[in-house]
Amino acid sequence: MSNLSNIAHPPWCLRGSDCADGNGLHLSRLAGTALRGDEVIQAGVGLWRMDVGPTAPSGMLLEFSAGEDVERWPLDLPRSRVLVRASQRLLRRLDPTASRAA
């Protein structure tokens, strides 16, 4: 994709090794979720877009890793939104005081 102009890339695309050549996949930098940095399972979240068809599918990218094992899970935009709402609902049940602090 190195021959694409900047217009072809979303503004959040890394345009480096994470912007894979030839397959139209754009990835953002991952936001880590580690609180201390010594967690056994690392989790990160970012954005993705695939340049295919008239409407490019896009959404949230979840990455989980433990040591050398890395799993990436791209979720489309509708599922990403549902995951955010469902997560907030579940966390409020776990910690009712969190909804007052937000």
Protein backbone atom coordinates (compact mmCIF):
# COMPACT_ATOMS: atom_id res chain seq x y z
CA MET A 1 0.00 0.00 0.00
CA SER A 2 3.03 2.21 -0.09
CA ASN A 3 1.88 3.53 -3.48
CA LEU A 4 -1.37 4.88 -2.02
CA SER A 5 -1.71 8.56 -1.34
CA ASN A 6 -2.37 9.83 2.16
CA ILE A 7 -6.00 10.36 1.11
CA ALA A 8 -6.42 6.58 0.84
CA HIS A 9 -5.39 6.11 4.47
CA PRO A 10 -7.60 7.03 7.41
CA PRO A 11 -5.93 9.65 9.63
CA TRP A 12 -5.36 7.09 12.40
CA CYS A 13 -3.59 4.53 10.16
CA LEU A 14 0.02 3.82 11.14
CA ARG A 15 1.06 3.52 7.47
CA GLY A 16 3.94 1.29 8.45
CA SER A 17 4.36 -2.42 8.94
CA ASP A 18 0.89 -2.57 10.56
CA CYS A 19 -0.66 -1.20 7.37
CA ALA A 20 -0.31 -4.44 5.44
CA ASP A 21 0.82 -4.31 1.81
CA GLY A 22 -1.66 -5.22 -0.87
CA ASN A 23 -4.65 -6.36 1.19
CA GLY A 24 -6.19 -2.97 2.00
CA LEU A 25 -6.04 -3.43 5.78
CA HIS A 26 -5.45 -0.32 7.91
CA LEU A 27 -4.65 -0.61 11.62
CA SER A 28 -4.30 2.04 14.29
CA ARG A 29 -1.93 2.06 17.21
CA LEU A 30 -3.22 -0.16 20.00
CA ALA A 31 -4.19 1.40 23.30
CA GLY A 32 -2.93 -0.86 26.06
CA THR A 33 -5.09 -1.73 29.02
CA ALA A 34 -2.44 -2.94 31.49
CA LEU A 35 -2.77 -1.33 34.89
CA ARG A 36 0.59 -2.40 36.28
CA GLY A 37 2.36 -3.84 33.24
CA ASP A 38 2.92 -7.25 34.83
CA GLU A 39 -0.40 -8.84 33.89
CA VAL A 40 -0.12 -12.37 32.45
CA ILE A 41 -2.65 -11.62 29.70
CA GLN A 42 -2.11 -8.32 27.92
CA ALA A 43 -5.05 -6.65 26.17
CA GLY A 44 -5.13 -3.82 23.68
CA VAL A 45 -7.75 -2.08 21.60
CA GLY A 46 -7.46 -0.18 18.34
CA LEU A 47 -9.20 0.60 15.06
CA TRP A 48 -9.21 -1.26 11.75
CA ARG A 49 -10.55 -0.69 8.23
CA MET A 50 -10.44 -2.95 5.19
CA ASP A 51 -10.56 -1.23 1.80
CA VAL A 52 -12.89 -3.58 -0.08
CA GLY A 53 -16.15 -2.93 -1.88
CA PRO A 54 -18.09 0.33 -2.01
CA THR A 55 -18.39 0.56 1.78
CA ALA A 56 -15.20 -0.29 3.65
CA PRO A 57 -15.91 -2.47 6.70
CA SER A 58 -14.35 -1.03 9.83
CA GLY A 59 -14.55 -1.21 13.59
CA MET A 60 -12.62 -1.99 16.72
CA LEU A 61 -9.64 -4.35 16.90
CA LEU A 62 -9.11 -6.34 20.10
CA GLU A 63 -5.69 -7.87 20.71
CA PHE A 64 -4.94 -10.34 23.49
CA SER A 65 -1.51 -11.77 24.16
CA ALA A 66 0.19 -14.04 26.64
CA GLY A 67 3.91 -14.30 26.09
CA GLU A 68 4.57 -14.99 22.41
CA ASP A 69 0.95 -15.97 21.64
CA VAL A 70 -1.02 -13.09 20.09
CA GLU A 71 -4.66 -13.18 19.01
CA ARG A 72 -6.30 -10.33 17.06
CA TRP A 73 -10.06 -10.05 16.80
CA PRO A 74 -11.52 -7.44 14.42
CA LEU A 75 -15.10 -6.51 15.28
CA ASP A 76 -17.25 -4.64 12.78
CA LEU A 77 -18.65 -1.24 13.73
CA PRO A 78 -22.13 -2.41 14.84
CA ARG A 79 -20.65 -5.16 17.03
CA SER A 80 -18.08 -2.72 18.42
CA ARG A 81 -20.85 -0.40 19.55
CA VAL A 82 -22.80 -3.26 21.13
CA LEU A 83 -19.66 -4.42 22.95
CA VAL A 84 -19.13 -0.95 24.42
CA ARG A 85 -22.72 -0.72 25.67
CA ALA A 86 -22.71 -4.28 27.02
CA SER A 87 -19.37 -3.72 28.78
CA GLN A 88 -20.62 -0.56 30.47
CA ARG A 89 -23.80 -2.32 31.62
CA LEU A 90 -21.86 -5.27 33.05
CA LEU A 91 -19.32 -3.07 34.80
CA ARG A 92 -22.11 -1.06 36.47
CA ARG A 93 -23.44 -4.33 37.92
CA LEU A 94 -19.97 -5.21 39.20
CA ASP A 95 -19.32 -1.78 40.71
CA PRO A 96 -22.46 0.37 41.14
CA THR A 97 -20.36 3.33 42.33
CA ALA A 98 -18.59 3.50 38.95
CA SER A 99 -21.68 4.90 37.20
CA ARG A 100 -21.72 7.84 39.63
CA ALA A 101 -18.03 8.62 39.05
CA ALA A 102 -18.34 8.67 35.23
